[in-house]
Amino acid sequence: MTRCHLKLIALLSIVSSNSSALQSTSQVQAPPPPSISQCDFSHLHPRRHAAYHVPRPSDITIDGVLDESVWNEVPWSDPFQGIRGPQFWSQPWFTSKFKLRYDDRFLYIGAYLEETEVWANVSKRNDVIFRDNDFEVFVDADGSTHNYKEFEVNARNTTWNLWLNRPYRDGGHENSSRVDPDYGFDMLSSGMRSAVYIKGRLGDPSERLHDWTVEIALPLAQLALHSKATVPPIANSFWRINFSRVEWPVRVITDSTGKQHYEKELGLSEENWVWSSQYAVDMHRPEWWGYLQFRPRGEAPPESIDTNKVVSLDPEWGVRYVSFQFYYAQHAFYNITGEYASTMDKLRPFFAFAEAFQCSMLFDIQASKDTFHARIGVKKNASDGVDADGFIASIRDDGNIVVKKLHRTSAVATVK
């Protein structure tokens, strides 16, 4: 979805100078880390799912019916949950799930959306699809949080695809043929396809429907455009990905001719259900998206499979997590002071969780009134130095993050 309901880092209150790092924000926070001796933050790792290679592209027909053998042999994802996370009181009452395959050119997505009221009004391609119930895909090919792509489809198979140079919170904007009909980003010319299957009539309340299914082919080269990702994907490489479903409350209206149709309930907002928790009503926080892993060519899916066991944790996750806790703290500091902090000590009260502060290792920072650029590592544990076999992240005020393997000679750095 392409709107940010809640500002990411607007603080309601700031703790006093002698208090802990707890903050109150205008969003639902991710669950706090427990008291930990190890700084891997694996309990907060986003969901992950495997995409298995398709030997022959012709094995998948994009018709919305997920009846091919290449779909039957791979597992469904975990069911979607509320966008704020499983700890929030409102959770989905319908099941949503997906499957993934890929070849050298396309990422294939098959989705199942349980639904008893199947309707769609938007019929113009690249219009604002989330005004209807819809299914959405978000892909950040290199994990930088910049230059990510979004795809939306409703039950009429009306689609919208766009490219975001960066999240809206960081001054990002949409690039699509909706805003620039002549030159805007559009994956259609590169082979993007989709189809929807409904066992019944769309938008007819007299129908006793149970679900709708979607089949999508997204061109890998376009998903990776303006990123450092490799196409075709390298075996076992990670891309960041998330899926969303918008669900509007509707009522049945009977017109003057006696014909019935669905109409959105006035004054009621939509529900947002996602695969991997965002911890805010905002899909444009790519740092919380899940992980897609491209499995090697020729590898067959196991007959009985738990994809979370097949796909390992991202070894970069720990440093990514603390880097974005640093990013959040910097923006909270900026909201109060009008400038960015140049030391960790200044940021201590602005970290939402003390564990993130204790596990962070700031190597260096360039900070001014309007910008910052920092290099951050994650410690082995809260009382030890940085992991010499770990990673170092470069993160900017606009959220761009690049992670590299840490050289052992860098491990002698100390917190500034």
Protein backbone atom coordinates (compact mmCIF):
# COMPACT_ATOMS: atom_id res chain seq x y z
CA MET A 1 0.00 0.00 0.00
CA THR A 2 1.32 3.42 -0.86
CA ARG A 3 0.41 5.58 2.07
CA CYS A 4 1.98 5.98 5.47
CA HIS A 5 -0.70 6.27 8.12
CA LEU A 6 1.63 6.95 11.00
CA LYS A 7 4.93 8.81 11.16
CA LEU A 8 7.73 6.46 11.92
CA ILE A 9 9.68 8.37 14.47
CA ALA A 10 7.38 11.05 15.93
CA LEU A 11 7.74 10.87 19.72
CA LEU A 12 4.89 11.47 22.13
CA SER A 13 7.25 11.90 25.04
CA ILE A 14 10.93 11.72 25.83
CA VAL A 15 12.30 10.20 28.97
CA SER A 16 14.24 12.28 31.47
CA SER A 17 18.02 12.31 31.27
CA ASN A 18 18.49 9.78 34.09
CA SER A 19 15.89 7.27 32.92
CA SER A 20 16.21 4.17 30.81
CA ALA A 21 15.94 4.09 27.03
CA LEU A 22 12.20 3.43 26.95
CA GLN A 23 10.22 5.78 24.72
CA SER A 24 6.61 6.34 23.76
CA THR A 25 6.04 6.70 20.03
CA SER A 26 3.08 7.21 17.74
CA GLN A 27 3.33 3.67 16.44
CA VAL A 28 3.28 0.13 17.74
CA GLN A 29 6.84 -0.77 18.65
CA ALA A 30 8.42 -4.07 17.75
CA PRO A 31 8.42 -6.34 20.79
CA PRO A 32 11.32 -5.51 23.09
CA PRO A 33 14.31 -7.83 23.10
CA PRO A 34 14.58 -9.95 26.23
CA SER A 35 17.56 -9.49 28.51
CA ILE A 36 20.22 -11.06 26.35
CA SER A 37 23.82 -12.09 26.58
CA GLN A 38 24.14 -12.57 22.81
CA CYS A 39 23.50 -9.72 20.38
CA ASP A 40 22.06 -11.61 17.42
CA PHE A 41 18.41 -10.50 17.93
CA SER A 42 17.31 -13.68 16.17
CA HIS A 43 13.99 -13.66 18.05
CA LEU A 44 13.10 -10.52 16.06
CA HIS A 45 14.21 -11.90 12.68
CA PRO A 46 11.51 -11.35 10.02
CA ARG A 47 9.83 -14.31 8.38
CA ARG A 48 11.59 -16.11 5.53
CA HIS A 49 10.51 -18.25 2.60
CA ALA A 50 12.22 -20.26 -0.13
CA ALA A 51 11.72 -19.84 -3.87
CA TYR A 52 12.60 -22.97 -5.85
CA HIS A 53 13.82 -22.78 -9.43
CA VAL A 54 11.45 -23.79 -12.23
CA PRO A 55 13.29 -25.89 -14.86
CA ARG A 56 10.98 -24.82 -17.68
CA PRO A 57 9.10 -21.50 -17.69
CA SER A 58 6.30 -23.21 -19.63
CA ASP A 59 5.54 -25.25 -16.49
CA ILE A 60 3.57 -22.27 -15.16
CA THR A 61 0.55 -20.85 -16.96
CA ILE A 62 -0.52 -17.47 -15.58
CA ASP A 63 -4.27 -18.07 -15.38
CA GLY A 64 -4.96 -17.60 -11.67
CA VAL A 65 -5.53 -21.32 -11.11
CA LEU A 66 -2.76 -22.80 -9.01
CA ASP A 67 -3.13 -26.32 -10.34
CA GLU A 68 0.29 -26.95 -11.92
CA SER A 69 2.58 -29.55 -10.41
CA VAL A 70 5.27 -26.91 -9.84
CA TRP A 71 2.89 -25.24 -7.38
CA ASN A 72 1.77 -28.46 -5.73
CA GLU A 73 5.33 -29.45 -4.83
CA VAL A 74 6.24 -26.27 -2.91
CA PRO A 75 4.89 -25.18 0.48
CA TRP A 76 2.50 -22.41 1.39
CA SER A 77 3.83 -19.52 3.39
CA ASP A 78 2.88 -18.92 6.99
CA PRO A 79 -0.59 -17.29 7.18
CA PHE A 80 -0.73 -13.52 7.20
CA GLN A 81 -1.01 -11.62 10.49
CA GLY A 82 -2.03 -8.13 11.54
CA ILE A 83 0.33 -5.47 10.22
CA ARG A 84 1.18 -4.28 13.74
CA GLY A 85 2.39 -7.74 14.72
CA PRO A 86 1.01 -10.82 16.47
CA GLN A 87 0.98 -9.09 19.86
CA PHE A 88 -1.66 -6.61 18.67
CA TRP A 89 -5.30 -7.40 19.50
CA SER A 90 -6.67 -7.24 15.92
CA GLN A 91 -5.74 -10.29 13.81
CA PRO A 92 -7.05 -11.60 10.45
CA TRP A 93 -10.30 -13.54 10.31
CA PHE A 94 -9.57 -14.78 6.77
CA THR A 95 -6.57 -16.86 5.69
CA SER A 96 -4.03 -15.36 3.28
CA LYS A 97 -0.95 -17.23 2.05
CA PHE A 98 1.36 -17.54 -0.95
CA LYS A 99 3.81 -19.78 -2.80
CA LEU A 100 6.96 -18.80 -4.72
CA ARG A 101 8.90 -20.11 -7.73
CA TYR A 102 11.43 -18.47 -10.03
CA ASP A 103 13.38 -18.94 -13.24
CA ASP A 104 16.10 -16.86 -14.87
CA ARG A 105 13.66 -14.09 -15.81
CA PHE A 106 10.71 -14.07 -13.46
CA LEU A 107 9.61 -14.37 -9.86
CA TYR A 108 6.35 -16.33 -9.79
CA ILE A 109 3.83 -15.78 -7.01
CA GLY A 110 0.71 -17.80 -6.34
CA ALA A 111 -1.59 -16.44 -3.64
CA TYR A 112 -4.70 -17.73 -1.87
CA LEU A 113 -7.07 -15.18 -0.31
CA GLU A 114 -9.97 -16.54 1.71
CA GLU A 115 -12.97 -14.22 1.23
CA THR A 116 -16.77 -14.44 1.30
CA GLU A 117 -17.40 -11.01 -0.27
CA VAL A 118 -15.39 -10.83 -3.48
CA TRP A 119 -15.72 -7.45 -5.17
CA ALA A 120 -13.59 -4.85 -6.97
CA ASN A 121 -14.42 -1.44 -8.41
CA VAL A 122 -11.13 -0.08 -9.77
CA SER A 123 -10.80 -1.02 -13.44
CA LYS A 124 -8.14 1.40 -14.73
CA ARG A 125 -4.62 -0.04 -14.74
CA ASN A 126 -2.11 1.77 -12.52
CA ASP A 127 -4.85 3.51 -10.59
CA VAL A 128 -4.89 3.43 -6.77
CA ILE A 129 -5.80 -0.22 -6.25
CA PHE A 130 -5.86 -0.27 -2.44
CA ARG A 131 -9.18 1.59 -2.51
CA ASP A 132 -10.47 -1.95 -3.13
CA ASN A 133 -9.64 -5.16 -1.32
CA ASP A 134 -6.32 -6.12 -2.85
CA PHE A 135 -3.15 -8.23 -2.71
CA GLU A 136 0.21 -6.44 -2.65
CA VAL A 137 3.86 -7.42 -3.18
CA PHE A 138 6.91 -5.38 -2.09
CA VAL A 139 10.46 -6.25 -3.20
CA ASP A 140 13.77 -4.70 -2.11
CA ALA A 141 16.28 -6.66 -4.17
CA ASP A 142 19.50 -5.57 -2.43
CA GLY A 143 18.20 -4.81 1.06
CA SER A 144 19.22 -1.15 0.90
CA THR A 145 15.64 0.08 1.66
CA HIS A 146 15.93 2.20 -1.50
CA ASN A 147 14.75 1.62 -5.08
CA TYR A 148 12.19 -1.00 -4.13
CA LYS A 149 9.24 -2.09 -6.23
CA GLU A 150 5.57 -2.56 -5.44
CA PHE A 151 2.80 -4.49 -7.19
CA GLU A 152 -0.92 -4.41 -6.36
CA VAL A 153 -3.85 -6.35 -7.81
CA ASN A 154 -7.57 -6.49 -7.03
CA ALA A 155 -10.10 -9.24 -7.68
CA ARG A 156 -10.82 -7.74 -11.12
CA ASN A 157 -7.14 -8.29 -12.01
CA THR A 158 -6.60 -4.55 -12.25
CA THR A 159 -2.95 -3.92 -11.39
CA TRP A 160 -0.67 -1.12 -10.26
CA ASN A 161 3.11 -1.38 -10.29
CA LEU A 162 5.52 1.28 -9.12
CA TRP A 163 9.08 2.03 -8.10
CA LEU A 164 9.91 3.91 -4.90
CA ASN A 165 13.31 5.61 -4.82
CA ARG A 166 13.14 5.54 -1.00
CA PRO A 167 10.45 5.25 1.67
CA TYR A 168 7.98 8.12 1.95
CA ARG A 169 9.25 8.85 5.49
CA ASP A 170 12.65 9.67 3.93
CA GLY A 171 11.30 11.94 1.21
CA GLY A 172 10.64 9.17 -1.30
CA HIS A 173 8.21 9.39 -4.19
CA GLU A 174 6.35 7.12 -6.56
CA ASN A 175 7.66 6.52 -10.07
CA SER A 176 4.97 4.93 -12.25
CA SER A 177 2.90 5.51 -15.34
CA ARG A 178 0.15 6.72 -13.00
CA VAL A 179 2.14 9.86 -12.17
CA ASP A 180 4.08 9.99 -15.46
CA PRO A 181 2.08 8.32 -18.27
CA ASP A 182 4.82 8.78 -20.87
CA TYR A 183 8.03 7.89 -19.02
CA GLY A 184 7.02 6.42 -15.69
CA PHE A 185 8.23 3.05 -14.42
CA ASP A 186 6.13 0.13 -15.67
CA MET A 187 7.01 -3.58 -15.64
CA LEU A 188 4.33 -4.46 -18.21
CA SER A 189 6.64 -4.00 -21.20
CA SER A 190 9.15 -6.39 -19.57
CA GLY A 191 6.68 -9.25 -19.39
CA MET A 192 4.80 -8.65 -16.13
CA ARG A 193 1.67 -10.81 -16.06
CA SER A 194 -1.10 -11.58 -13.62
CA ALA A 195 -4.41 -13.41 -13.49
CA VAL A 196 -7.19 -13.84 -10.93
CA TYR A 197 -9.46 -16.85 -10.53
CA ILE A 198 -12.86 -16.60 -8.84
CA LYS A 199 -15.23 -19.56 -8.68
CA GLY A 200 -18.32 -17.43 -9.27
CA ARG A 201 -19.37 -13.92 -10.25
CA LEU A 202 -17.44 -10.90 -9.05
CA GLY A 203 -19.34 -8.46 -6.84
CA ASP A 204 -22.54 -10.51 -6.60
CA PRO A 205 -23.79 -10.88 -2.99
CA SER A 206 -26.02 -13.79 -4.03
CA GLU A 207 -22.91 -15.86 -4.74
CA ARG A 208 -21.61 -18.08 -1.95
CA LEU A 209 -17.91 -17.56 -2.52
CA HIS A 210 -15.03 -18.74 -0.37
CA ASP A 211 -11.85 -17.27 -1.87
CA TRP A 212 -10.00 -15.82 -4.82
CA THR A 213 -6.58 -16.82 -6.09
CA VAL A 214 -3.90 -14.81 -7.87
CA GLU A 215 -1.03 -15.82 -10.12
CA ILE A 216 1.73 -13.31 -10.89
CA ALA A 217 4.95 -13.20 -12.92
CA LEU A 218 7.22 -10.28 -12.05
CA PRO A 219 10.35 -9.65 -14.17
CA LEU A 220 13.46 -10.03 -12.03
CA ALA A 221 15.45 -7.46 -13.99
CA GLN A 222 12.84 -4.80 -13.26
CA LEU A 223 12.59 -5.79 -9.60
CA ALA A 224 16.37 -5.37 -9.36
CA LEU A 225 16.49 -2.12 -11.37
CA HIS A 226 18.76 0.51 -9.77
CA SER A 227 19.93 -1.96 -7.13
CA LYS A 228 23.10 -3.98 -6.66
CA ALA A 229 21.26 -7.30 -6.88
CA THR A 230 22.35 -9.88 -9.46
CA VAL A 231 19.98 -11.27 -12.12
CA PRO A 232 19.60 -14.19 -12.49
CA PRO A 233 19.79 -14.42 -8.70
CA ILE A 234 22.77 -16.11 -7.08
CA ALA A 235 21.93 -19.43 -5.41
CA ASN A 236 20.99 -19.01 -1.74
CA SER A 237 21.01 -15.22 -2.00
CA PHE A 238 18.49 -13.16 -0.07
CA TRP A 239 16.10 -10.52 -1.35
CA ARG A 240 13.81 -8.64 1.01
CA ILE A 241 10.12 -9.13 0.32
CA ASN A 242 6.76 -8.65 1.96
CA PHE A 243 3.13 -9.23 1.10
CA SER A 244 0.07 -7.30 2.19
CA ARG A 245 -3.67 -7.65 1.93
CA VAL A 246 -6.13 -4.77 2.32
CA GLU A 247 -9.58 -5.73 3.59
CA TRP A 248 -12.41 -3.17 3.61
CA PRO A 249 -15.69 -3.60 5.56
CA VAL A 250 -18.64 -3.65 3.16
CA ARG A 251 -22.41 -3.92 3.28
CA VAL A 252 -24.96 -5.21 0.78
CA ILE A 253 -26.97 -2.52 -1.00
CA THR A 254 -30.15 -3.16 -3.02
CA ASP A 255 -30.80 -0.62 -5.77
CA SER A 256 -34.14 0.52 -7.19
CA THR A 257 -34.20 -2.38 -9.65
CA GLY A 258 -33.72 -4.94 -6.92
CA LYS A 259 -30.14 -5.68 -7.91
CA GLN A 260 -27.67 -6.09 -5.06
CA HIS A 261 -24.04 -5.01 -4.84
CA TYR A 262 -21.34 -4.41 -2.26
CA GLU A 263 -20.58 -0.95 -0.92
CA LYS A 264 -17.86 0.11 1.51
CA GLU A 265 -19.05 1.05 4.98
CA LEU A 266 -18.76 4.82 5.36
CA GLY A 267 -16.46 6.02 8.09
CA LEU A 268 -14.77 2.66 8.66
CA SER A 269 -11.12 2.09 7.86
CA GLU A 270 -9.53 -0.92 6.23
CA GLU A 271 -7.73 -3.83 7.85
CA ASN A 272 -4.13 -4.48 6.81
CA TRP A 273 -2.87 -8.05 6.96
CA VAL A 274 0.73 -8.89 6.13
CA TRP A 275 3.08 -11.84 5.91
CA SER A 276 5.92 -10.39 8.02
CA SER A 277 5.04 -7.91 10.77
CA GLN A 278 5.68 -4.20 10.14
CA TYR A 279 4.97 -3.08 13.75
CA ALA A 280 3.14 -0.02 12.37
CA VAL A 281 0.36 0.60 9.86
CA ASP A 282 2.95 1.31 7.21
CA MET A 283 4.25 -1.08 4.56
CA HIS A 284 7.01 1.35 3.65
CA ARG A 285 9.43 0.22 6.35
CA PRO A 286 11.57 -2.14 4.24
CA GLU A 287 13.87 -2.92 7.17
CA TRP A 288 11.08 -5.11 8.58
CA TRP A 289 10.20 -6.97 5.39
CA GLY A 290 10.66 -10.72 5.25
CA TYR A 291 13.34 -12.69 3.43
CA LEU A 292 13.09 -14.47 0.10
CA GLN A 293 15.88 -16.98 -0.54
CA PHE A 294 16.54 -18.24 -4.07
CA ARG A 295 17.30 -21.94 -3.75
CA PRO A 296 19.92 -23.47 -6.12
CA ARG A 297 18.99 -24.70 -9.58
CA GLY A 298 18.13 -28.37 -9.62
CA GLU A 299 17.26 -28.49 -5.93
CA ALA A 300 13.91 -30.20 -5.48
CA PRO A 301 11.64 -29.13 -2.64
CA PRO A 302 11.52 -31.75 0.15
CA GLU A 303 8.28 -33.71 0.35
CA SER A 304 7.65 -32.46 3.87
CA ILE A 305 8.99 -28.98 4.40
CA ASP A 306 9.09 -26.22 6.95
CA THR A 307 10.45 -23.33 4.93
CA ASN A 308 11.72 -21.59 8.07
CA LYS A 309 13.99 -24.60 8.65
CA VAL A 310 15.18 -24.71 5.04
CA VAL A 311 15.97 -20.98 4.90
CA SER A 312 18.66 -19.97 7.37
CA LEU A 313 18.69 -16.71 9.28
CA ASP A 314 20.35 -13.77 7.57
CA PRO A 315 23.83 -13.46 9.14
CA GLU A 316 23.55 -9.69 8.62
CA TRP A 317 20.34 -9.41 10.64
CA GLY A 318 21.96 -8.36 13.93
CA VAL A 319 23.83 -5.42 12.48
CA ARG A 320 20.83 -4.41 10.39
CA TYR A 321 18.62 -4.40 13.48
CA VAL A 322 20.92 -2.23 15.61
CA SER A 323 21.59 0.10 12.67
CA PHE A 324 17.92 0.89 12.31
CA GLN A 325 17.51 1.32 16.05
CA PHE A 326 20.29 3.90 15.67
CA TYR A 327 18.41 5.44 12.71
CA TYR A 328 15.18 5.69 14.74
CA ALA A 329 17.06 7.24 17.66
CA GLN A 330 18.73 9.80 15.38
CA HIS A 331 15.39 10.92 13.94
CA ALA A 332 13.84 11.11 17.40
CA PHE A 333 16.81 13.26 18.48
CA TYR A 334 16.37 15.43 15.37
CA ASN A 335 12.66 15.96 16.09
CA ILE A 336 13.56 17.41 19.48
CA THR A 337 16.80 19.29 18.77
CA GLY A 338 16.63 20.16 15.06
CA GLU A 339 19.93 18.44 14.34
CA TYR A 340 21.50 14.97 14.31
CA ALA A 341 23.66 13.65 17.14
CA SER A 342 27.41 13.25 16.69
CA THR A 343 27.97 10.77 19.56
CA MET A 344 26.30 7.68 20.97
CA ASP A 345 26.06 9.23 24.43
CA LYS A 346 23.70 11.90 23.12
CA LEU A 347 21.50 9.19 21.60
CA ARG A 348 21.30 6.91 24.63
CA PRO A 349 17.92 8.27 25.89
CA PHE A 350 16.47 8.04 22.39
CA PHE A 351 17.03 4.32 21.87
CA ALA A 352 13.71 2.51 22.30
CA PHE A 353 15.45 -0.51 23.81
CA ALA A 354 18.52 -0.50 26.04
CA GLU A 355 19.69 -3.81 24.56
CA ALA A 356 20.01 -2.27 21.09
CA PHE A 357 22.16 0.53 22.49
CA GLN A 358 24.33 -1.87 24.50
CA CYS A 359 24.90 -4.13 21.49
CA SER A 360 25.77 -1.30 19.06
CA MET A 361 29.33 -0.40 18.16
CA LEU A 362 29.69 2.99 16.47
CA PHE A 363 32.86 3.01 14.36
CA ASP A 364 32.53 6.53 13.02
CA ILE A 365 29.91 9.14 12.21
CA GLN A 366 29.61 12.29 10.15
CA ALA A 367 26.70 14.35 11.46
CA SER A 368 25.42 17.83 10.69
CA LYS A 369 22.22 19.74 11.20
CA ASP A 370 20.53 18.03 8.25
CA THR A 371 22.39 14.77 7.55
CA PHE A 372 24.26 11.91 9.11
CA HIS A 373 26.29 8.98 7.83
CA ALA A 374 27.43 6.35 10.32
CA ARG A 375 29.23 3.02 10.31
CA ILE A 376 27.91 0.60 12.89
CA GLY A 377 28.81 -2.90 14.03
CA VAL A 378 27.09 -5.28 16.41
CA LYS A 379 28.88 -6.74 19.42
CA LYS A 380 29.12 -10.45 20.16
CA ASN A 381 27.33 -9.73 23.40
CA ALA A 382 26.36 -6.67 25.39
CA SER A 383 29.54 -6.71 27.51
CA ASP A 384 32.08 -7.66 24.84
CA GLY A 385 33.63 -6.05 21.78
CA VAL A 386 32.42 -6.22 18.21
CA ASP A 387 32.35 -9.60 16.50
CA ALA A 388 35.54 -9.74 14.42
CA ASP A 389 33.88 -12.22 12.08
CA GLY A 390 30.74 -10.12 11.76
CA PHE A 391 29.51 -7.30 9.57
CA ILE A 392 29.60 -3.53 9.45
CA ALA A 393 26.72 -1.38 8.22
CA SER A 394 26.85 2.07 6.66
CA ILE A 395 23.57 3.88 7.27
CA ARG A 396 22.46 7.38 6.30
CA ASP A 397 19.79 9.78 7.49
CA ASP A 398 17.60 8.75 4.52
CA GLY A 399 17.65 5.11 5.67
CA ASN A 400 19.95 3.81 2.95
CA ILE A 401 21.93 0.91 4.38
CA VAL A 402 24.86 -1.08 2.96
CA VAL A 403 26.27 -4.05 4.87
CA LYS A 404 29.76 -5.46 4.31
CA LYS A 405 31.88 -8.14 5.91
CA LEU A 406 33.93 -6.73 8.77
CA HIS A 407 37.71 -6.85 8.45
CA ARG A 408 39.38 -8.17 11.57
CA THR A 409 41.60 -5.11 11.83
CA SER A 410 38.49 -2.98 12.33
CA ALA A 411 37.45 -4.85 15.45
CA VAL A 412 39.71 -2.77 17.68
CA ALA A 413 37.41 0.25 17.30
CA THR A 414 35.65 1.49 20.39
CA VAL A 415 32.29 3.13 20.96
CA LYS A 416 32.42 6.88 20.50
